[in-house]
Amino acid sequence: MTKKREQWGTKLGLVLAMAGNAVGLGNFLRFPVQAATNGGGSFMIPYFIAFILLGIPLMMVEWSIGRYGGKYNHGSLPGMFDVMWKNKVAKYFGMFGLFSSIAILIYYTYIESWSLGYSFFSITQSYFGLESFGEMQNFLTSYQGLNTSYFSSIWTAYGFLLVTFGLNFYFLYRGINKGIEKLALIAMPALFIFAFIIMIAVFFVGTPDPVNHPDWNVMAGFKYIWQPDFSQLGNAKVWLAAAGQIFFTLSVGMGTLSAYASYLKEKDDIALGSVATSSLNEFAEVILGGSIAIPIAVAFFGLTQTQEIAAGGSFNLGFVSLPLIFQHLPFGQFLGFLWFLLLFIAGITSSVAMAQPLISFIEEQFNVSKKKAATIVGLGTFAAVNLVVFFFQFGFLDEMDYWSGTFMLVIIALIEVVVFAWIFGMDKGWQELNKGALIKIPKVYYFIIKYITPTYLLVILIVWTIQDAIPILLMDGINPEQVPYRWLSRGLMIGLMVILSVLIHFAWKRNKDRQAQKMMEE
């Protein structure tokens, strides 16, 4: 007997959960860094082009694949591809979606826990009094266990990780309607309220030092973000960075959106839902995320130093520069608390989505309860996250982030759009996309999804492979001390893919044997 699948309780809950899936740390940390290091306003033009030609089409494709697979009781890509492709190898291509989402979850929860820790450090003023960039950077690395300047051991960070992990799997344990949807209905409005408060505070910063630095002000930061330098548009690096950010920001290429969409009813709207989700995410990223970190950093550090800080990565901007700034703002400890709590909320609404595909797979293919499936995934993920924590200083996280969180996303997205538009068939796909639609999708997207999006993805994949993947694969320029740990990171990822492939094999064999036995009994 096939047990009844869960469904979303409300349309608002669905859209907020989908938006929570997409809105993550990348909206408030990675986006400002990518914009600052790729020409500011020059970055925004290819960014919006990638959003139209990659982001929206892939969002529609993932929602369509998910709802279609849900009709056949599949909440993960292996089953979805199997019913769309009807080929023995289809389910194994779906394995990459399970791999990417769970591999990212392994290290993402650790970074997510930093924001929870720093919200506590802000309200208790633990880092107040550290006035230089070097001191604040030392505070972060000490928290990460790289030195003992401010923390005697890694156990403070580990404690916040335990709390973060516990909260993630508490909501997952409660299921779609009572867990994830309830989280989204509370967390997403809170996230937008906190972001608005911080954004308004940024506008009041003005010019902090008008005597010595009259050109260091918030408006200069906004000008940098929004005034394009058209000469930069000939730089392929800017276009690649923009496309990469779209993948991160919309959470496409992981199968998480498809997993959520699988809990829709057959004629529930997905056209308006996918557009609404994309719009909410872009509002959070461009309007809110773009109005906080870079403008306030330019006001306090100037444009040149802000670019240098951004070049050091998202952690330097979010966890080093902004804590320095909060100390010089009215109600700084409160604003710091809100900023890092905002990051934590953005993180947890994304991380619960990453676990859902594998939970759905285990629950449905092995006929176990949601709670048991969540427990299995939780224990396995927690065992792996310890490697990230204790080998962080050796590049373990960086290695996982590139292969599972960057390179693999493009591969999976390309597989998804090819399966949807070319194997399942664009005519059937277009019909599926428009079934129950509350808005009319422009016909141009038929051609964009079928031709432009896969071509765009293929070009990105080829260029990234040549420019980045081959040098990273060969570990060019890597500290020899890190090499064994990076191989261990690769070993973990390869092991995950092998385990998932074996699980898929036995799941299909088990179900085939059960069907054969049922036919014999009848």
Protein backbone atom coordinates (compact mmCIF):
# COMPACT_ATOMS: atom_id res chain seq x y z
CA MET A 1 0.00 0.00 0.00
CA THR A 2 1.43 3.40 -1.01
CA LYS A 3 1.20 5.86 1.86
CA LYS A 4 -0.21 9.29 1.19
CA ARG A 5 2.46 11.92 0.59
CA GLU A 6 2.57 15.16 2.52
CA GLN A 7 1.43 18.41 0.93
CA TRP A 8 1.97 22.08 1.59
CA GLY A 9 -0.63 23.60 3.88
CA THR A 10 -0.91 27.01 2.17
CA LYS A 11 0.29 28.69 -1.01
CA LEU A 12 1.96 31.39 1.10
CA GLY A 13 3.82 28.73 3.05
CA LEU A 14 4.97 27.11 -0.18
CA VAL A 15 6.26 30.37 -1.71
CA LEU A 16 8.00 31.39 1.53
CA ALA A 17 9.57 27.93 1.87
CA MET A 18 10.75 28.04 -1.74
CA ALA A 19 12.09 31.57 -1.20
CA GLY A 20 13.75 30.41 2.02
CA ASN A 21 15.37 27.62 0.01
CA ALA A 22 16.80 30.20 -2.39
CA VAL A 23 17.54 33.07 0.04
CA GLY A 24 20.69 32.06 1.89
CA LEU A 25 24.08 33.24 3.03
CA GLY A 26 24.98 33.90 -0.61
CA ASN A 27 22.43 36.73 -0.86
CA PHE A 28 23.99 38.79 1.92
CA LEU A 29 27.65 37.68 1.82
CA ARG A 30 28.57 36.22 -1.57
CA PHE A 31 26.60 38.67 -3.72
CA PRO A 32 28.27 41.84 -2.30
CA VAL A 33 31.69 40.21 -2.70
CA GLN A 34 31.03 39.17 -6.29
CA ALA A 35 29.72 42.62 -7.16
CA ALA A 36 32.66 44.41 -5.51
CA THR A 37 35.33 42.23 -7.11
CA ASN A 38 33.80 42.24 -10.58
CA GLY A 39 33.38 45.90 -11.35
CA GLY A 40 30.34 46.89 -9.27
CA GLY A 41 27.75 48.16 -11.74
CA SER A 42 29.54 46.31 -14.54
CA PHE A 43 28.67 43.07 -12.78
CA MET A 44 24.96 43.88 -12.60
CA ILE A 45 24.36 43.82 -16.37
CA PRO A 46 25.54 40.23 -16.98
CA TYR A 47 23.97 39.33 -13.63
CA PHE A 48 20.47 40.32 -14.78
CA ILE A 49 21.02 38.76 -18.21
CA ALA A 50 22.00 35.48 -16.49
CA PHE A 51 18.93 35.80 -14.26
CA ILE A 52 16.64 36.05 -17.31
CA LEU A 53 18.36 33.39 -19.43
CA LEU A 54 19.46 30.97 -16.69
CA GLY A 55 17.79 31.70 -13.38
CA ILE A 56 14.12 31.97 -14.32
CA PRO A 57 14.22 29.11 -16.89
CA LEU A 58 15.97 26.75 -14.45
CA MET A 59 13.57 27.72 -11.68
CA MET A 60 10.64 26.82 -13.97
CA VAL A 61 12.30 23.58 -15.04
CA GLU A 62 12.98 22.45 -11.45
CA TRP A 63 9.43 23.25 -10.34
CA SER A 64 8.04 21.34 -13.34
CA ILE A 65 10.29 18.31 -12.82
CA GLY A 66 9.37 18.28 -9.13
CA ARG A 67 5.61 18.49 -9.54
CA TYR A 68 5.65 15.88 -12.31
CA GLY A 69 7.78 13.50 -10.22
CA GLY A 70 5.52 14.06 -7.22
CA LYS A 71 2.61 12.54 -9.16
CA TYR A 72 4.54 9.27 -9.08
CA ASN A 73 5.50 9.62 -5.40
CA HIS A 74 9.06 10.73 -6.11
CA GLY A 75 10.59 13.54 -4.06
CA SER A 76 14.14 13.38 -5.41
CA LEU A 77 15.85 13.54 -8.79
CA PRO A 78 16.62 9.80 -9.26
CA GLY A 79 12.91 8.93 -9.27
CA MET A 80 11.92 12.08 -11.18
CA PHE A 81 14.43 11.41 -13.97
CA ASP A 82 13.37 7.76 -14.05
CA VAL A 83 9.72 8.58 -14.84
CA MET A 84 10.63 11.33 -17.31
CA TRP A 85 13.38 9.51 -19.19
CA LYS A 86 12.38 5.83 -18.82
CA ASN A 87 15.95 4.64 -19.23
CA LYS A 88 18.02 2.43 -16.91
CA VAL A 89 20.69 5.09 -16.48
CA ALA A 90 18.28 7.97 -15.76
CA LYS A 91 18.13 7.37 -12.02
CA TYR A 92 21.93 7.42 -11.75
CA PHE A 93 22.06 10.88 -13.33
CA GLY A 94 19.64 11.90 -10.59
CA MET A 95 22.21 10.71 -8.06
CA PHE A 96 24.25 13.87 -8.70
CA GLY A 97 21.39 15.96 -7.33
CA LEU A 98 21.32 13.95 -4.10
CA PHE A 99 25.10 14.20 -3.86
CA SER A 100 25.33 17.94 -4.39
CA SER A 101 22.61 18.88 -1.90
CA ILE A 102 23.91 16.65 0.91
CA ALA A 103 27.59 17.50 0.29
CA ILE A 104 26.83 21.22 0.47
CA LEU A 105 24.76 20.65 3.63
CA ILE A 106 27.78 19.03 5.29
CA TYR A 107 29.88 22.20 5.24
CA TYR A 108 27.09 24.79 4.94
CA THR A 109 25.77 24.02 8.44
CA TYR A 110 29.20 24.81 9.88
CA ILE A 111 29.35 28.24 8.21
CA GLU A 112 25.72 28.79 9.20
CA SER A 113 26.64 28.12 12.84
CA TRP A 114 29.23 30.92 12.75
CA SER A 115 26.43 33.44 12.20
CA LEU A 116 24.58 32.09 15.25
CA GLY A 117 27.78 32.39 17.27
CA TYR A 118 28.45 35.93 16.09
CA SER A 119 24.89 37.03 16.89
CA PHE A 120 25.65 35.98 20.47
CA PHE A 121 29.07 37.71 20.39
CA SER A 122 27.39 40.90 19.14
CA ILE A 123 24.70 41.16 21.80
CA THR A 124 27.26 40.34 24.53
CA GLN A 125 29.84 42.69 22.93
CA SER A 126 32.45 39.91 22.96
CA TYR A 127 34.40 41.42 20.05
CA PHE A 128 33.86 45.06 21.03
CA GLY A 129 37.17 46.78 21.67
CA LEU A 130 38.90 45.08 18.74
CA GLU A 131 39.58 48.07 16.52
CA SER A 132 41.85 46.83 13.74
CA PHE A 133 41.18 44.55 10.79
CA GLY A 134 43.98 42.24 11.94
CA GLU A 135 42.54 41.89 15.46
CA MET A 136 39.06 41.10 14.17
CA GLN A 137 40.43 38.63 11.66
CA ASN A 138 42.38 36.99 14.46
CA PHE A 139 39.14 36.76 16.47
CA LEU A 140 37.47 34.88 13.59
CA THR A 141 40.36 32.48 13.03
CA SER A 142 40.58 31.85 16.79
CA TYR A 143 36.87 31.00 16.81
CA GLN A 144 37.53 28.60 13.91
CA GLY A 145 40.21 26.87 15.99
CA LEU A 146 43.21 28.13 14.02
CA ASN A 147 44.80 29.85 17.03
CA THR A 148 44.11 30.43 20.74
CA SER A 149 44.25 34.24 20.82
CA TYR A 150 40.63 34.72 21.94
CA PHE A 151 39.23 31.18 22.24
CA SER A 152 41.14 28.44 24.02
CA SER A 153 39.81 25.71 21.71
CA ILE A 154 37.41 24.84 18.90
CA TRP A 155 34.72 23.82 21.38
CA THR A 156 32.93 27.18 21.43
CA ALA A 157 32.38 26.93 17.68
CA TYR A 158 31.47 23.27 18.10
CA GLY A 159 28.79 24.17 20.63
CA PHE A 160 27.12 26.57 18.21
CA LEU A 161 27.38 23.90 15.52
CA LEU A 162 25.50 21.44 17.74
CA VAL A 163 22.71 23.97 18.30
CA THR A 164 22.53 24.74 14.57
CA PHE A 165 22.46 21.08 13.63
CA GLY A 166 19.82 20.34 16.22
CA LEU A 167 17.54 23.12 14.96
CA ASN A 168 17.93 22.00 11.34
CA PHE A 169 16.92 18.44 12.01
CA TYR A 170 14.19 19.40 14.48
CA PHE A 171 12.32 21.08 11.62
CA LEU A 172 13.14 18.27 9.19
CA TYR A 173 11.99 15.69 11.74
CA ARG A 174 8.58 17.41 11.88
CA GLY A 175 8.10 17.11 8.11
CA ILE A 176 6.98 19.40 5.30
CA ASN A 177 3.82 20.98 6.70
CA LYS A 178 4.54 21.03 10.43
CA GLY A 179 8.27 21.63 10.17
CA ILE A 180 9.63 23.31 7.05
CA GLU A 181 6.48 25.31 6.26
CA LYS A 182 6.09 26.52 9.85
CA LEU A 183 9.75 27.57 9.85
CA ALA A 184 9.31 29.52 6.60
CA LEU A 185 6.14 31.29 7.80
CA ILE A 186 8.01 32.67 10.82
CA ALA A 187 11.59 32.94 9.59
CA MET A 188 11.10 34.63 6.21
CA PRO A 189 9.06 37.62 7.46
CA ALA A 190 11.58 37.99 10.31
CA LEU A 191 14.45 37.93 7.81
CA PHE A 192 12.93 40.73 5.71
CA ILE A 193 12.12 42.83 8.80
CA PHE A 194 15.69 42.50 10.13
CA ALA A 195 17.13 43.34 6.71
CA PHE A 196 14.93 46.45 6.44
CA ILE A 197 16.04 47.66 9.88
CA ILE A 198 19.72 47.24 9.00
CA MET A 199 19.25 48.82 5.56
CA ILE A 200 17.60 51.91 7.11
CA ALA A 201 20.45 52.15 9.62
CA VAL A 202 22.92 52.06 6.72
CA PHE A 203 21.22 55.04 5.05
CA PHE A 204 21.68 57.09 8.22
CA VAL A 205 25.43 56.43 8.31
CA GLY A 206 26.08 59.09 5.65
CA THR A 207 29.72 60.22 5.74
CA PRO A 208 31.28 58.97 9.01
CA ASP A 209 34.50 61.05 8.70
CA PRO A 210 33.67 64.19 6.64
CA VAL A 211 36.89 65.99 7.64
CA ASN A 212 39.49 63.37 6.67
CA HIS A 213 37.51 61.34 4.15
CA PRO A 214 34.69 63.41 2.64
CA ASP A 215 34.36 61.01 -0.32
CA TRP A 216 33.89 57.98 1.93
CA ASN A 217 30.13 57.75 2.20
CA VAL A 218 27.17 55.44 1.70
CA MET A 219 26.17 57.09 -1.58
CA ALA A 220 29.61 56.35 -3.03
CA GLY A 221 28.97 52.69 -2.22
CA PHE A 222 25.59 52.74 -3.97
CA LYS A 223 27.13 54.53 -6.94
CA TYR A 224 29.76 51.83 -7.24
CA ILE A 225 27.13 49.07 -7.19
CA TRP A 226 24.82 50.68 -9.71
CA GLN A 227 26.99 52.75 -12.06
CA PRO A 228 28.33 50.40 -14.76
CA ASP A 229 31.69 50.64 -16.46
CA PHE A 230 30.77 49.34 -19.91
CA SER A 231 34.40 48.64 -20.77
CA GLN A 232 34.30 45.74 -18.26
CA LEU A 233 31.61 43.93 -20.23
CA GLY A 234 34.24 42.50 -22.56
CA ASN A 235 35.78 40.62 -19.62
CA ALA A 236 34.68 36.97 -19.66
CA LYS A 237 35.48 36.67 -15.94
CA VAL A 238 32.66 39.10 -15.09
CA TRP A 239 30.11 37.10 -17.12
CA LEU A 240 31.20 33.83 -15.52
CA ALA A 241 31.03 35.33 -12.05
CA ALA A 242 27.53 36.66 -12.73
CA ALA A 243 26.30 33.28 -13.97
CA GLY A 244 27.88 31.57 -10.98
CA GLN A 245 26.13 33.92 -8.57
CA ILE A 246 22.75 33.13 -10.15
CA PHE A 247 23.30 29.44 -9.40
CA PHE A 248 24.19 30.18 -5.79
CA THR A 249 21.43 32.66 -5.19
CA LEU A 250 18.52 30.66 -6.63
CA SER A 251 19.69 27.27 -5.32
CA VAL A 252 19.26 25.71 -8.77
CA GLY A 253 21.23 22.63 -9.73
CA MET A 254 20.75 20.80 -6.41
CA GLY A 255 17.31 19.27 -6.77
CA THR A 256 16.09 21.04 -3.64
CA LEU A 257 13.49 23.09 -5.52
CA SER A 258 12.27 19.94 -7.25
CA ALA A 259 12.01 18.17 -3.90
CA TYR A 260 9.80 20.94 -2.51
CA ALA A 261 7.73 21.10 -5.72
CA SER A 262 7.06 17.35 -5.52
CA TYR A 263 4.70 18.01 -2.61
CA LEU A 264 2.40 20.11 -4.80
CA LYS A 265 -0.91 18.88 -6.13
CA GLU A 266 -1.03 17.95 -9.82
CA LYS A 267 -2.77 21.17 -10.89
CA ASP A 268 -1.19 23.56 -8.40
CA ASP A 269 0.31 26.58 -10.12
CA ILE A 270 4.04 26.47 -10.69
CA ALA A 271 4.41 29.30 -13.23
CA LEU A 272 3.46 32.10 -10.86
CA GLY A 273 5.08 30.27 -7.94
CA SER A 274 8.48 30.04 -9.63
CA VAL A 275 8.36 33.70 -10.70
CA ALA A 276 7.28 34.79 -7.19
CA THR A 277 10.10 32.79 -5.63
CA SER A 278 12.67 34.25 -8.03
CA SER A 279 11.39 37.78 -7.40
CA LEU A 280 11.51 37.43 -3.61
CA ASN A 281 15.05 36.10 -3.83
CA GLU A 282 16.20 38.92 -6.10
CA PHE A 283 14.61 41.50 -3.82
CA ALA A 284 16.45 40.00 -0.86
CA GLU A 285 19.75 39.89 -2.75
CA VAL A 286 19.84 43.00 -4.92
CA ILE A 287 17.75 45.48 -2.93
CA LEU A 288 18.51 44.34 0.63
CA GLY A 289 21.84 42.50 0.31
CA GLY A 290 23.18 45.10 -2.10
CA SER A 291 22.19 47.94 0.23
CA ILE A 292 24.01 46.77 3.35
CA ALA A 293 27.53 45.34 3.18
CA ILE A 294 29.16 47.30 0.32
CA PRO A 295 27.66 50.79 0.94
CA ILE A 296 28.49 50.75 4.66
CA ALA A 297 31.98 49.32 4.01
CA VAL A 298 32.73 52.08 1.50
CA ALA A 299 31.56 54.67 4.04
CA PHE A 300 34.02 53.41 6.67
CA PHE A 301 36.92 52.02 4.62
CA GLY A 302 36.70 53.77 1.24
CA LEU A 303 36.18 52.15 -2.14
CA THR A 304 39.75 50.89 -2.66
CA GLN A 305 40.02 49.14 0.69
CA THR A 306 36.49 47.74 0.36
CA GLN A 307 37.52 46.13 -2.92
CA GLU A 308 40.60 44.68 -1.19
CA ILE A 309 38.45 43.36 1.67
CA ALA A 310 36.01 41.81 -0.80
CA ALA A 311 38.90 40.19 -2.67
CA GLY A 312 39.67 38.38 0.60
CA GLY A 313 36.30 36.64 0.41
CA SER A 314 32.86 36.64 1.96
CA PHE A 315 34.12 35.84 5.44
CA ASN A 316 36.34 38.93 5.55
CA LEU A 317 33.43 41.15 4.57
CA GLY A 318 30.74 39.60 6.74
CA PHE A 319 32.63 38.40 9.82
CA VAL A 320 35.57 40.81 9.98
CA SER A 321 34.72 44.18 8.42
CA LEU A 322 31.11 44.56 9.56
CA PRO A 323 31.83 43.75 13.24
CA LEU A 324 34.40 46.57 13.15
CA ILE A 325 31.75 48.92 11.77
CA PHE A 326 29.03 47.91 14.24
CA GLN A 327 31.24 49.16 17.07
CA HIS A 328 31.02 52.69 15.67
CA LEU A 329 27.25 52.77 15.11
CA PRO A 330 24.51 53.79 17.54
CA PHE A 331 22.92 50.60 18.92
CA GLY A 332 25.81 48.75 17.29
CA GLN A 333 25.51 45.66 19.45
CA PHE A 334 21.81 45.37 18.53
CA LEU A 335 22.47 45.93 14.81
CA GLY A 336 25.26 43.35 14.91
CA PHE A 337 22.94 40.90 16.62
CA LEU A 338 20.28 41.47 13.93
CA TRP A 339 22.82 41.18 11.10
CA PHE A 340 24.15 37.82 12.20
CA LEU A 341 20.72 36.53 13.19
CA LEU A 342 19.59 37.55 9.69
CA LEU A 343 22.42 35.45 8.24
CA PHE A 344 21.47 32.53 10.47
CA ILE A 345 17.83 32.65 9.38
CA ALA A 346 18.88 32.87 5.73
CA GLY A 347 21.16 29.91 6.31
CA ILE A 348 18.75 27.59 8.10
CA THR A 349 15.91 28.08 5.61
CA SER A 350 18.36 26.97 2.90
CA SER A 351 20.03 24.13 4.79
CA VAL A 352 16.76 22.34 5.67
CA ALA A 353 16.03 22.34 1.94
CA MET A 354 19.37 20.67 1.21
CA ALA A 355 18.56 17.71 3.44
CA GLN A 356 15.05 17.21 2.06
CA PRO A 357 15.91 15.40 -1.24
CA LEU A 358 17.84 12.62 0.51
CA ILE A 359 15.22 12.34 3.27
CA SER A 360 12.50 12.00 0.60
CA PHE A 361 14.57 9.42 -1.28
CA ILE A 362 15.12 7.20 1.77
CA GLU A 363 11.55 7.59 2.97
CA GLU A 364 9.96 6.75 -0.38
CA GLN A 365 12.34 4.19 -1.86
CA PHE A 366 12.88 2.17 1.33
CA ASN A 367 9.39 2.69 2.80
CA VAL A 368 10.55 4.12 6.14
CA SER A 369 8.95 6.90 8.17
CA LYS A 370 9.84 10.55 7.67
CA LYS A 371 11.28 10.69 11.20
CA LYS A 372 13.47 7.64 10.67
CA ALA A 373 14.71 8.95 7.32
CA ALA A 374 15.53 12.34 8.89
CA THR A 375 17.41 10.57 11.71
CA ILE A 376 19.48 8.52 9.26
CA VAL A 377 20.40 11.58 7.19
CA GLY A 378 21.10 13.62 10.33
CA LEU A 379 23.48 11.07 11.84
CA GLY A 380 25.34 10.55 8.56
CA THR A 381 25.67 14.26 7.89
CA PHE A 382 26.84 14.99 11.43
CA ALA A 383 29.55 12.35 11.20
CA ALA A 384 30.86 13.98 8.01
CA VAL A 385 30.67 17.57 9.28
CA ASN A 386 33.28 16.74 11.92
CA LEU A 387 35.85 16.35 9.15
CA VAL A 388 35.01 19.88 7.97
CA VAL A 389 35.36 21.30 11.49
CA PHE A 390 38.63 19.69 12.46
CA PHE A 391 40.33 19.89 9.04
CA PHE A 392 39.03 23.36 8.17
CA GLN A 393 42.48 24.96 8.25
CA PHE A 394 43.75 22.50 5.65
CA GLY A 395 41.33 23.51 2.90
CA PHE A 396 38.88 20.64 3.46
CA LEU A 397 35.86 22.97 3.21
CA ASP A 398 37.24 24.86 0.21
CA GLU A 399 37.69 21.62 -1.73
CA MET A 400 34.13 20.50 -1.01
CA ASP A 401 32.74 23.93 -1.81
CA TYR A 402 34.30 24.07 -5.26
CA TRP A 403 33.40 20.61 -6.51
CA SER A 404 29.98 20.12 -4.90
CA GLY A 405 28.89 23.74 -4.48
CA THR A 406 30.16 25.28 -7.70
CA PHE A 407 31.20 22.91 -10.47
CA MET A 408 28.57 20.24 -9.82
CA LEU A 409 25.72 22.78 -9.81
CA VAL A 410 26.36 23.60 -13.47
CA ILE A 411 26.53 19.92 -14.42
CA ILE A 412 23.26 19.09 -12.66
CA ALA A 413 21.48 22.13 -14.12
CA LEU A 414 22.62 21.10 -17.61
CA ILE A 415 21.35 17.54 -17.04
CA GLU A 416 18.01 18.87 -15.75
CA VAL A 417 17.35 21.13 -18.71
CA VAL A 418 18.41 18.46 -21.25
CA VAL A 419 16.16 15.84 -19.61
CA PHE A 420 13.26 18.28 -19.44
CA ALA A 421 13.52 19.95 -22.86
CA TRP A 422 15.09 17.27 -25.06
CA ILE A 423 14.38 13.84 -23.55
CA PHE A 424 11.01 14.37 -21.87
CA GLY A 425 10.30 16.79 -24.74
CA MET A 426 9.78 20.53 -24.77
CA ASP A 427 6.19 20.25 -25.95
CA LYS A 428 5.28 18.00 -23.02
CA GLY A 429 7.44 20.12 -20.74
CA TRP A 430 5.74 23.33 -21.80
CA GLN A 431 2.36 21.73 -21.22
CA GLU A 432 3.45 20.59 -17.75
CA LEU A 433 4.78 24.04 -16.92
CA ASN A 434 1.54 25.74 -17.93
CA LYS A 435 -0.80 23.24 -16.27
CA GLY A 436 -2.81 25.15 -13.64
CA ALA A 437 -0.82 28.33 -14.37
CA LEU A 438 -2.27 31.54 -12.98
CA ILE A 439 -0.17 33.65 -15.36
CA LYS A 440 0.63 33.31 -19.05
CA ILE A 441 4.30 32.51 -19.54
CA PRO A 442 5.77 34.36 -22.54
CA LYS A 443 6.21 31.95 -25.44
CA VAL A 444 9.81 33.14 -25.81
CA TYR A 445 10.67 31.01 -22.77
CA TYR A 446 9.84 27.89 -24.78
CA PHE A 447 12.84 28.67 -26.99
CA ILE A 448 15.00 30.00 -24.15
CA ILE A 449 14.57 26.79 -22.13
CA LYS A 450 15.12 24.52 -25.13
CA TYR A 451 18.02 26.27 -26.84
CA ILE A 452 19.55 29.25 -25.02
CA THR A 453 19.71 27.94 -21.45
CA PRO A 454 21.47 24.63 -22.28
CA THR A 455 23.87 26.43 -24.64
CA TYR A 456 24.65 29.04 -21.96
CA LEU A 457 25.26 26.25 -19.42
CA LEU A 458 27.48 24.28 -21.79
CA VAL A 459 29.63 27.34 -22.51
CA ILE A 460 29.98 28.06 -18.77
CA LEU A 461 30.92 24.44 -18.09
CA ILE A 462 33.59 24.37 -20.81
CA VAL A 463 35.14 27.69 -19.80
CA TRP A 464 35.10 26.85 -16.07
CA THR A 465 36.68 23.48 -16.78
CA ILE A 466 39.53 25.07 -18.71
CA GLN A 467 40.06 28.09 -16.45
CA ASP A 468 39.39 26.67 -12.99
CA ALA A 469 38.52 23.00 -12.80
CA ILE A 470 41.70 21.60 -14.37
CA PRO A 471 44.10 23.74 -12.26
CA ILE A 472 42.09 22.97 -9.09
CA LEU A 473 41.97 19.27 -9.97
CA LEU A 474 45.77 19.28 -10.29
CA MET A 475 46.05 21.38 -7.07
CA ASP A 476 48.17 24.03 -8.72
CA GLY A 477 49.57 26.44 -6.14
CA ILE A 478 48.19 24.49 -3.16
CA ASN A 479 50.27 24.39 0.02
CA PRO A 480 51.81 20.87 0.17
CA GLU A 481 50.62 20.61 3.80
CA GLN A 482 47.02 20.80 2.59
CA VAL A 483 47.27 18.22 -0.18
CA PRO A 484 46.53 15.07 1.92
CA TYR A 485 43.48 16.73 3.50
CA ARG A 486 42.17 17.93 0.17
CA TRP A 487 42.47 14.36 -1.12
CA LEU A 488 40.58 13.25 1.97
CA SER A 489 37.87 15.78 1.07
CA ARG A 490 37.73 14.36 -2.45
CA GLY A 491 37.61 10.86 -0.99
CA LEU A 492 34.58 11.84 1.11
CA MET A 493 32.80 13.21 -1.97
CA ILE A 494 33.62 10.17 -4.11
CA GLY A 495 32.50 7.93 -1.24
CA LEU A 496 29.20 9.80 -1.03
CA MET A 497 28.57 9.29 -4.75
CA VAL A 498 29.37 5.58 -4.49
CA ILE A 499 27.07 5.13 -1.47
CA LEU A 500 24.23 7.01 -3.16
CA SER A 501 24.65 5.00 -6.38
CA VAL A 502 24.52 1.74 -4.40
CA LEU A 503 21.42 2.91 -2.53
CA ILE A 504 19.73 3.78 -5.82
CA HIS A 505 20.62 0.37 -7.27
CA PHE A 506 19.23 -1.55 -4.30
CA ALA A 507 16.15 0.69 -4.02
CA TRP A 508 15.14 0.00 -7.61
CA LYS A 509 15.97 -3.69 -7.32
CA ARG A 510 13.96 -3.92 -4.09
CA ASN A 511 10.95 -2.20 -5.59
CA LYS A 512 11.13 -4.30 -8.75
CA ASP A 513 11.24 -7.49 -6.67
CA ARG A 514 8.27 -6.33 -4.60
CA GLN A 515 6.26 -5.55 -7.74
CA ALA A 516 7.07 -8.98 -9.18
CA GLN A 517 6.03 -10.69 -5.94
CA LYS A 518 2.78 -8.71 -5.86
CA MET A 519 1.97 -9.76 -9.44
CA MET A 520 2.60 -13.41 -8.57
CA GLU A 521 0.30 -13.16 -5.53
CA GLU A 522 -2.44 -11.68 -7.71
